[in-house]
Each structure stands twice: as C-alpha cells, then as structure tokens.
C-alpha cells in the first residue's frame, strides 16, 4: 500500500464528495423503488 500526504482542506473536500455520492445513490434507489410500486406523478 502506498501512502500520500494531502492537506486537511483537500481531505475534507474529498470526504464531502463521498457523503454526497452515498446520498445520491440512496435517493436514486428510493426513487426506483417508488417507480416500481407506482408511486409517481406525471408532469405535463
């Protein structure tokens, strides 16, 4: 395993992306579940 050094601000920025990615995946999965169960509205 290779070790690198990054600044704290860069580390915190990357951690925020990790959290964001997880939230987007969770929301997408929930939306697919709603779609499968017919819980959606058509927009004109």
C-alpha atoms as a PDB file:
ATOM      1  CA  UNK A   1       0.000   0.000   0.000  1.00  0.00           C
ATOM      2  CA  UNK A   2       1.297   3.429  -0.927  1.00  0.00           C
ATOM      3  CA  UNK A   3       0.963   6.434   1.393  1.00  0.00           C
ATOM      4  CA  UNK A   4       0.405  10.010   0.244  1.00  0.00           C
ATOM      5  CA  UNK A   5       0.050  13.289   2.107  1.00  0.00           C
ATOM      6  CA  UNK A   6      -2.707  15.795   1.359  1.00  0.00           C
ATOM      7  CA  UNK A   7      -3.840  18.940   3.091  1.00  0.00           C
ATOM      8  CA  UNK A   8      -6.647  18.831   5.622  1.00  0.00           C
ATOM      9  CA  UNK A   9      -8.827  21.025   3.377  1.00  0.00           C
ATOM     10  CA  UNK A  10      -8.369  18.599   0.469  1.00  0.00           C
ATOM     11  CA  UNK A  11      -9.189  15.645   2.738  1.00  0.00           C
ATOM     12  CA  UNK A  12     -12.364  17.345   3.997  1.00  0.00           C
ATOM     13  CA  UNK A  13     -13.402  18.203   0.436  1.00  0.00           C
ATOM     14  CA  UNK A  14     -12.992  14.565  -0.630  1.00  0.00           C
ATOM     15  CA  UNK A  15     -14.953  13.333   2.401  1.00  0.00           C
ATOM     16  CA  UNK A  16     -17.842  15.647   1.436  1.00  0.00           C
ATOM     17  CA  UNK A  17     -17.878  14.109  -2.060  1.00  0.00           C
ATOM     18  CA  UNK A  18     -18.009  10.635  -0.518  1.00  0.00           C
ATOM     19  CA  UNK A  19     -21.022  11.647   1.586  1.00  0.00           C
ATOM     20  CA  UNK A  20     -22.710  13.308  -1.387  1.00  0.00           C
ATOM     21  CA  UNK A  21     -22.205  10.235  -3.580  1.00  0.00           C
ATOM     22  CA  UNK A  22     -23.766   7.996  -0.940  1.00  0.00           C
ATOM     23  CA  UNK A  23     -26.769  10.323  -0.587  1.00  0.00           C
ATOM     24  CA  UNK A  24     -27.326  10.444  -4.352  1.00  0.00           C
ATOM     25  CA  UNK A  25     -27.208   6.649  -4.592  1.00  0.00           C
ATOM     26  CA  UNK A  26     -29.661   6.313  -1.691  1.00  0.00           C
ATOM     27  CA  UNK A  27     -32.077   8.811  -3.287  1.00  0.00           C
ATOM     28  CA  UNK A  28     -31.808   7.082  -6.663  1.00  0.00           C
ATOM     29  CA  UNK A  29     -32.538   3.680  -5.109  1.00  0.00           C
ATOM     30  CA  UNK A  30     -35.526   5.130  -3.264  1.00  0.00           C
ATOM     31  CA  UNK A  31     -36.834   6.694  -6.479  1.00  0.00           C
ATOM     32  CA  UNK A  32     -36.553   3.388  -8.324  1.00  0.00           C
ATOM     33  CA  UNK A  33     -38.463   1.666  -5.539  1.00  0.00           C
ATOM     34  CA  UNK A  34     -41.216   4.306  -5.767  1.00  0.00           C
ATOM     35  CA  UNK A  35     -41.373   3.864  -9.540  1.00  0.00           C
ATOM     36  CA  UNK A  36     -41.683   0.075  -9.226  1.00  0.00           C
ATOM     37  CA  UNK A  37     -44.539   0.497  -6.754  1.00  0.00           C
ATOM     38  CA  UNK A  38     -46.345   3.018  -8.989  1.00  0.00           C
ATOM     39  CA  UNK A  39     -45.867   5.969  -6.645  1.00  0.00           C
ATOM     40  CA  UNK A  40     -45.142   8.764  -9.095  1.00  0.00           C
ATOM     41  CA  UNK A  41     -46.861  11.666 -10.773  1.00  0.00           C
ATOM     42  CA  UNK A  42     -46.734  12.509 -14.456  1.00  0.00           C
ATOM     43  CA  UNK A  43     -45.739  16.078 -15.222  1.00  0.00           C
ATOM     44  CA  UNK A  44     -47.272  17.653 -18.299  1.00  0.00           C
END
